[in-house]
Amino acid sequence: MNRPKKNCAACGRAFIQQRSSQRYCSEACRRLGYRIGLCNHEDKETDTAIRTFTCARCGKTVKVTDLKDRRQRFCSARCEKLYWKNRKAESRKKDAP
């Protein structure tokens, strides 16, 4: 069985896919891709929006066009992580005299 070659989404190197959904050539590239936000969903202007919301952290308007897309409050995993990470620090500043 011939497996298709694909370019890694993080480093651009060609690799042979082990499964059809594989986007990265290695575990390190997969982690890098998620860390820098390559996993973010691209909003398409031509598709009709199922729902629209504003990101709770950065304020970006997000149009959800895919039924599988479960985002409801944040535009990306990075924004969600930073929101929850900084939430405690911000509440401590408000409580301080």
C-alpha atoms as a PDB file:
ATOM      1  CA  MET A   1       0.000   0.000   0.000  1.00  0.00           C
ATOM      2  CA  ASN A   2       1.437   3.370  -1.020  1.00  0.00           C
ATOM      3  CA  ARG A   3       1.176   5.989   1.660  1.00  0.00           C
ATOM      4  CA  PRO A   4       1.028   9.618   0.536  1.00  0.00           C
ATOM      5  CA  LYS A   5       3.840  12.046   1.258  1.00  0.00           C
ATOM      6  CA  LYS A   6       2.901  15.266   2.944  1.00  0.00           C
ATOM      7  CA  ASN A   7       4.761  18.351   4.172  1.00  0.00           C
ATOM      8  CA  CYS A   8       4.922  18.931   7.914  1.00  0.00           C
ATOM      9  CA  ALA A   9       2.728  21.850   9.044  1.00  0.00           C
ATOM     10  CA  ALA A  10       5.410  23.010  11.522  1.00  0.00           C
ATOM     11  CA  CYS A  11       8.794  22.552   9.832  1.00  0.00           C
ATOM     12  CA  GLY A  12       7.829  21.987   6.179  1.00  0.00           C
ATOM     13  CA  ARG A  13       9.824  18.750   5.833  1.00  0.00           C
ATOM     14  CA  ALA A  14       8.297  15.988   3.673  1.00  0.00           C
ATOM     15  CA  PHE A  15       7.204  12.829   5.501  1.00  0.00           C
ATOM     16  CA  ILE A  16       5.150   9.703   4.846  1.00  0.00           C
ATOM     17  CA  GLN A  17       1.821   9.764   6.650  1.00  0.00           C
ATOM     18  CA  GLN A  18       1.107   6.910   9.055  1.00  0.00           C
ATOM     19  CA  ARG A  19      -2.597   7.859   9.073  1.00  0.00           C
ATOM     20  CA  SER A  20      -4.703  10.134   6.890  1.00  0.00           C
ATOM     21  CA  SER A  21      -5.137  12.849   9.540  1.00  0.00           C
ATOM     22  CA  GLN A  22      -1.418  13.194  10.371  1.00  0.00           C
ATOM     23  CA  ARG A  23      -0.196  16.800   9.920  1.00  0.00           C
ATOM     24  CA  TYR A  24       3.222  16.724  11.592  1.00  0.00           C
ATOM     25  CA  CYS A  25       6.354  14.667  10.926  1.00  0.00           C
ATOM     26  CA  SER A  26       7.204  14.086  14.590  1.00  0.00           C
ATOM     27  CA  GLU A  27       5.942  14.490  18.151  1.00  0.00           C
ATOM     28  CA  ALA A  28       8.195  17.536  18.616  1.00  0.00           C
ATOM     29  CA  CYS A  29       6.717  19.268  15.559  1.00  0.00           C
ATOM     30  CA  ARG A  30       3.201  18.448  16.758  1.00  0.00           C
ATOM     31  CA  ARG A  31       3.893  20.084  20.105  1.00  0.00           C
ATOM     32  CA  LEU A  32       5.481  23.077  18.391  1.00  0.00           C
ATOM     33  CA  GLY A  33       2.500  23.414  16.060  1.00  0.00           C
ATOM     34  CA  TYR A  34       0.038  23.491  18.934  1.00  0.00           C
ATOM     35  CA  ARG A  35       2.227  25.852  20.949  1.00  0.00           C
ATOM     36  CA  ILE A  36       2.514  28.463  18.195  1.00  0.00           C
ATOM     37  CA  GLY A  37      -1.108  28.126  17.141  1.00  0.00           C
ATOM     38  CA  LEU A  38      -0.979  26.199  13.873  1.00  0.00           C
ATOM     39  CA  CYS A  39      -3.976  24.213  15.069  1.00  0.00           C
ATOM     40  CA  ASN A  40      -6.190  27.307  15.032  1.00  0.00           C
ATOM     41  CA  HIS A  41      -9.213  27.120  12.827  1.00  0.00           C
ATOM     42  CA  GLU A  42      -9.231  29.366   9.789  1.00  0.00           C
ATOM     43  CA  ASP A  43     -12.447  31.310   9.374  1.00  0.00           C
ATOM     44  CA  LYS A  44     -13.694  31.218   5.790  1.00  0.00           C
ATOM     45  CA  GLU A  45     -15.533  34.280   4.569  1.00  0.00           C
ATOM     46  CA  THR A  46     -17.520  32.327   1.946  1.00  0.00           C
ATOM     47  CA  ASP A  47     -19.095  29.806   4.350  1.00  0.00           C
ATOM     48  CA  THR A  48     -22.228  30.641   6.285  1.00  0.00           C
ATOM     49  CA  ALA A  49     -21.694  31.037  10.006  1.00  0.00           C
ATOM     50  CA  ILE A  50     -23.413  28.611  12.360  1.00  0.00           C
ATOM     51  CA  ARG A  51     -22.702  30.937  15.262  1.00  0.00           C
ATOM     52  CA  THR A  52     -20.612  34.035  15.886  1.00  0.00           C
ATOM     53  CA  PHE A  53     -18.952  35.111  19.117  1.00  0.00           C
ATOM     54  CA  THR A  54     -16.264  37.416  20.472  1.00  0.00           C
ATOM     55  CA  CYS A  55     -13.180  35.868  22.089  1.00  0.00           C
ATOM     56  CA  ALA A  56     -13.259  36.437  25.858  1.00  0.00           C
ATOM     57  CA  ARG A  57      -9.528  37.200  25.944  1.00  0.00           C
ATOM     58  CA  CYS A  58      -8.461  39.042  22.784  1.00  0.00           C
ATOM     59  CA  GLY A  59     -11.811  40.383  21.544  1.00  0.00           C
ATOM     60  CA  LYS A  60     -11.508  38.850  18.061  1.00  0.00           C
ATOM     61  CA  THR A  61     -14.831  38.107  16.331  1.00  0.00           C
ATOM     62  CA  VAL A  62     -15.034  34.416  15.431  1.00  0.00           C
ATOM     63  CA  LYS A  63     -17.408  32.890  12.870  1.00  0.00           C
ATOM     64  CA  VAL A  64     -17.937  29.163  13.399  1.00  0.00           C
ATOM     65  CA  THR A  65     -18.729  27.464  10.085  1.00  0.00           C
ATOM     66  CA  ASP A  66     -18.234  23.771  10.887  1.00  0.00           C
ATOM     67  CA  LEU A  67     -20.554  21.661  13.048  1.00  0.00           C
ATOM     68  CA  LYS A  68     -17.527  19.827  14.476  1.00  0.00           C
ATOM     69  CA  ASP A  69     -16.025  23.109  15.712  1.00  0.00           C
ATOM     70  CA  ARG A  70     -16.893  23.299  19.426  1.00  0.00           C
ATOM     71  CA  ARG A  71     -15.443  26.743  20.146  1.00  0.00           C
ATOM     72  CA  GLN A  72     -17.868  28.941  22.065  1.00  0.00           C
ATOM     73  CA  ARG A  73     -15.821  31.397  24.111  1.00  0.00           C
ATOM     74  CA  PHE A  74     -12.222  31.595  22.817  1.00  0.00           C
ATOM     75  CA  CYS A  75     -10.739  31.936  19.329  1.00  0.00           C
ATOM     76  CA  SER A  76      -7.892  29.490  20.031  1.00  0.00           C
ATOM     77  CA  ALA A  77      -6.451  27.132  22.605  1.00  0.00           C
ATOM     78  CA  ARG A  78      -3.724  29.689  23.283  1.00  0.00           C
ATOM     79  CA  CYS A  79      -6.232  32.424  24.184  1.00  0.00           C
ATOM     80  CA  GLU A  80      -8.113  30.038  26.462  1.00  0.00           C
ATOM     81  CA  LYS A  81      -4.933  28.979  28.248  1.00  0.00           C
ATOM     82  CA  LEU A  82      -3.768  32.579  28.751  1.00  0.00           C
ATOM     83  CA  TYR A  83      -7.228  33.639  29.943  1.00  0.00           C
ATOM     84  CA  TRP A  84      -7.386  31.015  32.682  1.00  0.00           C
ATOM     85  CA  LYS A  85      -3.709  31.443  33.587  1.00  0.00           C
ATOM     86  CA  ASN A  86      -4.011  35.199  34.109  1.00  0.00           C
ATOM     87  CA  ARG A  87      -7.479  35.182  35.660  1.00  0.00           C
ATOM     88  CA  LYS A  88      -6.219  34.450  39.194  1.00  0.00           C
ATOM     89  CA  ALA A  89      -3.514  37.120  39.000  1.00  0.00           C
ATOM     90  CA  GLU A  90      -6.037  39.734  37.859  1.00  0.00           C
ATOM     91  CA  SER A  91      -8.478  38.881  40.648  1.00  0.00           C
ATOM     92  CA  ARG A  92      -5.692  39.217  43.230  1.00  0.00           C
ATOM     93  CA  LYS A  93      -4.879  42.715  41.935  1.00  0.00           C
ATOM     94  CA  LYS A  94      -8.519  43.766  42.306  1.00  0.00           C
ATOM     95  CA  ASP A  95      -8.701  42.464  45.891  1.00  0.00           C
ATOM     96  CA  ALA A  96      -5.505  44.239  46.969  1.00  0.00           C
ATOM     97  CA  PRO A  97      -6.002  47.667  48.686  1.00  0.00           C
END
